[in-house]
């Protein structure tokens, strides 16, 4: 929702906008122990992807 609001303002003002989102919600289930989500590990992995993407977007 926040990204949509920012995108709308950027569009109205002729400013380029890109958003990269990550879902961190964990749905509880009977297999929760098997589906454990390590948020710190996920952030590290995301950083390995997002930083090169951001650098590439700067060159466009």
C-alpha atoms as a PDB file:
ATOM      1  CA  UNK A   1       0.000   0.000   0.000  1.00  0.00           C
ATOM      2  CA  UNK A   2       2.756   2.456   0.861  1.00  0.00           C
ATOM      3  CA  UNK A   3       4.555   1.747  -2.385  1.00  0.00           C
ATOM      4  CA  UNK A   4       1.346   2.387  -4.332  1.00  0.00           C
ATOM      5  CA  UNK A   5       0.920   5.799  -2.723  1.00  0.00           C
ATOM      6  CA  UNK A   6       4.518   6.770  -3.462  1.00  0.00           C
ATOM      7  CA  UNK A   7       4.222   5.499  -7.042  1.00  0.00           C
ATOM      8  CA  UNK A   8       1.104   7.612  -7.600  1.00  0.00           C
ATOM      9  CA  UNK A   9       2.794  10.786  -6.353  1.00  0.00           C
ATOM     10  CA  UNK A  10       5.846  10.073  -8.506  1.00  0.00           C
ATOM     11  CA  UNK A  11       3.671   9.442 -11.568  1.00  0.00           C
ATOM     12  CA  UNK A  12       1.784  12.706 -11.085  1.00  0.00           C
ATOM     13  CA  UNK A  13       5.071  14.599 -10.788  1.00  0.00           C
ATOM     14  CA  UNK A  14       6.968  12.878 -13.595  1.00  0.00           C
ATOM     15  CA  UNK A  15       9.468  11.230 -11.258  1.00  0.00           C
ATOM     16  CA  UNK A  16      10.724   7.716 -11.949  1.00  0.00           C
ATOM     17  CA  UNK A  17       9.882   5.113  -9.334  1.00  0.00           C
ATOM     18  CA  UNK A  18      10.743   1.471  -8.730  1.00  0.00           C
ATOM     19  CA  UNK A  19       9.923  -0.679  -5.717  1.00  0.00           C
ATOM     20  CA  UNK A  20      11.431  -3.933  -4.528  1.00  0.00           C
ATOM     21  CA  UNK A  21       9.382  -5.684  -1.880  1.00  0.00           C
ATOM     22  CA  UNK A  22       9.928  -8.720   0.258  1.00  0.00           C
ATOM     23  CA  UNK A  23       7.221 -10.600   2.097  1.00  0.00           C
ATOM     24  CA  UNK A  24       8.221 -11.390   5.653  1.00  0.00           C
ATOM     25  CA  UNK A  25       4.905 -12.704   6.960  1.00  0.00           C
ATOM     26  CA  UNK A  26       4.892 -16.285   8.154  1.00  0.00           C
ATOM     27  CA  UNK A  27       1.666 -18.225   8.171  1.00  0.00           C
ATOM     28  CA  UNK A  28       1.394 -20.596  11.077  1.00  0.00           C
ATOM     29  CA  UNK A  29       0.696 -24.205  10.256  1.00  0.00           C
ATOM     30  CA  UNK A  30       1.116 -27.677  11.660  1.00  0.00           C
ATOM     31  CA  UNK A  31       4.503 -27.802   9.893  1.00  0.00           C
ATOM     32  CA  UNK A  32       5.741 -24.516  11.377  1.00  0.00           C
ATOM     33  CA  UNK A  33       8.990 -26.002  12.694  1.00  0.00           C
ATOM     34  CA  UNK A  34       9.862 -27.216   9.194  1.00  0.00           C
ATOM     35  CA  UNK A  35       8.972 -23.849   7.683  1.00  0.00           C
ATOM     36  CA  UNK A  36      10.975 -21.695  10.102  1.00  0.00           C
ATOM     37  CA  UNK A  37      11.884 -18.386   8.523  1.00  0.00           C
ATOM     38  CA  UNK A  38      15.209 -16.801   9.527  1.00  0.00           C
ATOM     39  CA  UNK A  39      14.585 -13.090   8.911  1.00  0.00           C
ATOM     40  CA  UNK A  40      18.241 -12.104   9.374  1.00  0.00           C
ATOM     41  CA  UNK A  41      19.365 -14.693   6.846  1.00  0.00           C
ATOM     42  CA  UNK A  42      16.653 -13.552   4.438  1.00  0.00           C
ATOM     43  CA  UNK A  43      17.826  -9.926   4.713  1.00  0.00           C
ATOM     44  CA  UNK A  44      21.394 -10.938   3.911  1.00  0.00           C
ATOM     45  CA  UNK A  45      20.237 -12.870   0.846  1.00  0.00           C
ATOM     46  CA  UNK A  46      18.010 -10.000  -0.227  1.00  0.00           C
ATOM     47  CA  UNK A  47      20.929  -7.573   0.075  1.00  0.00           C
ATOM     48  CA  UNK A  48      22.970  -9.712  -2.308  1.00  0.00           C
ATOM     49  CA  UNK A  49      20.238  -9.268  -4.907  1.00  0.00           C
ATOM     50  CA  UNK A  50      18.906  -5.772  -4.234  1.00  0.00           C
ATOM     51  CA  UNK A  51      22.198  -3.859  -4.075  1.00  0.00           C
ATOM     52  CA  UNK A  52      23.375  -4.959  -7.547  1.00  0.00           C
ATOM     53  CA  UNK A  53      19.872  -4.259  -8.879  1.00  0.00           C
ATOM     54  CA  UNK A  54      19.878  -0.757  -7.393  1.00  0.00           C
ATOM     55  CA  UNK A  55      23.311  -0.066  -8.874  1.00  0.00           C
ATOM     56  CA  UNK A  56      22.153  -1.268 -12.300  1.00  0.00           C
ATOM     57  CA  UNK A  57      19.050   0.928 -12.110  1.00  0.00           C
ATOM     58  CA  UNK A  58      21.231   3.966 -11.422  1.00  0.00           C
ATOM     59  CA  UNK A  59      22.980   3.394 -14.754  1.00  0.00           C
ATOM     60  CA  UNK A  60      19.718   3.436 -16.724  1.00  0.00           C
END
